[in-house]
Protein backbone atom coordinates (compact mmCIF):
# COMPACT_ATOMS: atom_id res chain seq x y z
CA MET A 1 67.28 4.64 53.63
CA THR A 2 67.35 1.46 55.64
CA PHE A 3 64.74 -1.19 55.83
CA ASN A 4 62.99 -1.17 59.25
CA PRO A 5 60.67 -4.17 59.61
CA LEU A 6 58.78 -2.45 62.40
CA HIS A 7 57.85 0.59 60.29
CA PRO A 8 54.13 0.60 59.62
CA THR A 9 54.33 1.03 55.73
CA ALA A 10 56.64 -1.95 55.36
CA ALA A 11 54.34 -4.23 57.41
CA ARG A 12 51.36 -3.03 55.36
CA ARG A 13 53.21 -4.06 52.16
CA ARG A 14 53.92 -7.48 53.27
CA ARG A 15 50.18 -8.05 54.10
CA SER A 16 48.67 -6.55 50.99
CA GLY A 17 48.33 -9.89 48.93
CA PHE A 18 45.64 -12.50 48.92
CA THR A 19 46.00 -15.46 51.23
CA LEU A 20 45.84 -19.08 49.81
CA ALA A 21 42.46 -19.45 51.60
CA GLU A 22 41.01 -16.51 49.82
CA VAL A 23 42.21 -17.61 46.42
CA LEU A 24 40.76 -21.12 46.98
CA ALA A 25 37.50 -19.65 48.19
CA ALA A 26 37.17 -17.54 44.99
CA LEU A 27 38.04 -20.53 42.77
CA LEU A 28 35.41 -22.56 44.51
CA LEU A 29 32.71 -19.91 44.04
CA MET A 30 33.70 -19.65 40.31
CA ALA A 31 33.48 -23.45 39.99
CA ILE A 32 29.97 -23.35 41.30
CA VAL A 33 28.70 -20.17 39.51
CA VAL A 34 30.15 -20.74 35.99
CA PRO A 35 28.42 -24.06 35.19
CA VAL A 36 25.04 -22.74 36.58
CA ALA A 37 25.40 -19.65 34.41
CA MET A 38 26.32 -21.68 31.39
CA GLN A 39 23.30 -23.93 31.86
CA GLY A 40 21.04 -20.91 32.19
CA LEU A 41 22.41 -19.65 28.87
CA ARG A 42 21.70 -22.97 27.27
CA VAL A 43 18.20 -23.04 28.48
CA ALA A 44 17.55 -19.51 27.35
CA GLY A 45 19.00 -20.21 23.90
CA THR A 46 16.86 -23.37 23.52
CA ALA A 47 13.69 -21.52 24.55
CA GLY A 48 14.34 -18.82 22.04
CA GLU A 49 14.94 -21.30 19.30
CA VAL A 50 11.78 -23.21 20.20
CA GLY A 51 9.71 -19.98 20.26
CA GLN A 52 11.12 -18.95 16.82
CA ARG A 53 10.34 -22.37 15.34
CA LYS A 54 6.81 -22.54 16.78
CA MET A 55 6.09 -19.26 15.09
CA VAL A 56 7.27 -20.64 11.77
CA ALA A 57 5.37 -23.84 12.32
CA ALA A 58 2.16 -21.87 13.10
CA ARG A 59 2.67 -19.82 9.92
CA LEU A 60 3.27 -22.96 7.73
CA GLY A 61 0.26 -24.78 9.40
CA ASN A 62 -2.04 -21.74 8.70
CA LYS A 63 -0.83 -21.82 5.09
CA VAL A 64 -1.50 -25.57 4.61
CA LEU A 65 -4.88 -25.26 6.17
CA ASN A 66 -5.71 -22.47 3.80
CA GLU A 67 -4.56 -24.33 0.76
CA LEU A 68 -6.41 -27.53 1.64
CA LYS A 69 -9.60 -25.49 2.25
CA VAL A 70 -9.34 -23.62 -1.05
CA THR A 71 -8.69 -26.89 -2.99
CA GLY A 72 -11.48 -28.71 -1.15
CA GLN A 73 -9.15 -31.28 0.32
CA LEU A 74 -9.59 -30.24 3.90
CA GLN A 75 -12.43 -32.91 4.45
CA ASN A 76 -9.91 -35.71 3.77
CA SER A 77 -8.56 -36.88 7.04
CA GLY A 78 -5.13 -38.45 7.49
CA GLN A 79 -3.19 -36.15 5.08
CA THR A 80 0.47 -35.61 5.79
CA GLY A 81 3.35 -33.73 4.31
CA VAL A 82 6.55 -31.87 4.86
CA ALA A 83 7.17 -28.16 4.53
CA GLN A 84 10.54 -26.60 4.67
CA ASP A 85 11.67 -23.23 5.98
CA ARG A 86 15.35 -22.30 5.96
CA GLY A 87 16.44 -25.79 5.67
CA ILE A 88 14.41 -27.11 8.54
CA ASN A 89 11.73 -29.74 7.93
CA TYR A 90 8.27 -29.15 9.56
CA ARG A 91 6.14 -32.33 9.30
CA TRP A 92 2.36 -31.80 9.24
CA THR A 93 -0.63 -34.07 9.60
CA VAL A 94 -4.44 -33.21 9.15
CA LYS A 95 -7.05 -34.92 11.36
CA ASN A 96 -10.79 -34.46 11.13
CA GLN A 97 -13.29 -35.01 13.97
CA PRO A 98 -16.93 -34.23 14.36
CA TRP A 99 -17.49 -31.04 16.37
CA THR A 100 -19.53 -32.06 19.45
CA GLN A 101 -20.15 -28.55 20.82
CA ASP A 102 -23.29 -28.07 18.55
CA THR A 103 -24.88 -31.32 17.44
CA LEU A 104 -27.34 -29.47 15.04
CA SER A 105 -24.68 -27.97 12.92
CA GLN A 106 -22.92 -31.23 11.81
CA MET A 107 -19.60 -29.35 11.47
CA THR A 108 -16.20 -30.89 11.49
CA VAL A 109 -13.07 -29.77 13.32
CA ALA A 110 -10.01 -30.02 11.14
CA THR A 111 -6.80 -30.00 13.20
CA ILE A 112 -3.37 -29.75 11.70
CA THR A 113 -0.41 -30.82 13.79
CA VAL A 114 3.00 -29.42 12.78
CA SER A 115 6.09 -31.14 14.34
CA PHE A 116 9.66 -30.08 14.30
CA LEU A 117 12.91 -30.87 16.12
CA VAL A 118 15.07 -28.65 18.34
CA GLN A 119 18.23 -30.17 19.72
CA GLY A 120 16.94 -33.63 19.27
CA LYS A 121 13.60 -33.04 21.00
CA ASN A 122 10.25 -33.14 19.19
CA TYR A 123 7.82 -30.13 19.54
CA ASP A 124 4.23 -29.81 18.05
CA VAL A 125 1.99 -26.95 17.14
CA HIS A 126 -1.70 -27.69 16.75
CA LEU A 127 -4.06 -25.37 14.68
CA SER A 128 -7.79 -26.12 14.34
CA THR A 129 -10.70 -24.77 12.14
CA LEU A 130 -14.33 -25.63 11.76
CA THR A 131 -15.49 -26.82 8.37
CA ALA A 132 -18.95 -27.29 7.02
CA PRO A 133 -20.09 -30.64 5.78
CA GLN A 134 -18.95 -31.37 2.23
CA GLN A 135 -22.35 -31.67 0.65
CA GLN A 136 -23.28 -28.26 2.00
CA ASN A 137 -22.71 -25.23 -0.17
CA ALA A 138 -23.46 -21.51 0.08
CA ASN A 139 -27.18 -22.32 0.84
CA PHE A 140 -27.39 -22.61 4.56
CA PRO A 141 -30.33 -24.22 6.35
CA GLY A 142 -32.78 -21.69 7.69
CA MET A 143 -32.03 -19.10 4.98
CA GLY A 144 -35.03 -20.11 2.79
CA GLY A 145 -32.62 -21.57 0.07
CA GLN A 146 -31.01 -18.13 -0.46
CA GLY A 147 -27.31 -17.96 -0.81
CA ILE A 148 -25.11 -15.33 0.66
CA TYR A 149 -23.91 -12.91 -1.97
């Protein structure tokens, strides 16, 4: 069989590859898409890590609030500490302020702020609870001096 350059299958074989322009266009597209996709994956990973650590910080903050309430130390403002979970430090601070929503109750808002780092950036979780005045016990005003049993 002889090679005939005018034969349709031979001409099609010579034109079946990619041209230089097509290859360069594909490389340019990849040079644009790959960094954008990598940035998206990094942002998604950071968001997942922040969400997980916020959940842990909320759990630890709730635990500290409960411990301080049970021991009677929740009324003391300005308390600080560090809690650890899986080798990660969570710094906490308690702050007390008067509750201004109901001036007759004289209650206090105790707020704990739990701070943590993710990739060099600081994040906070705030938890609050209402506390009765320290001198008030189980006898509530308006109950005729009767406690709740």
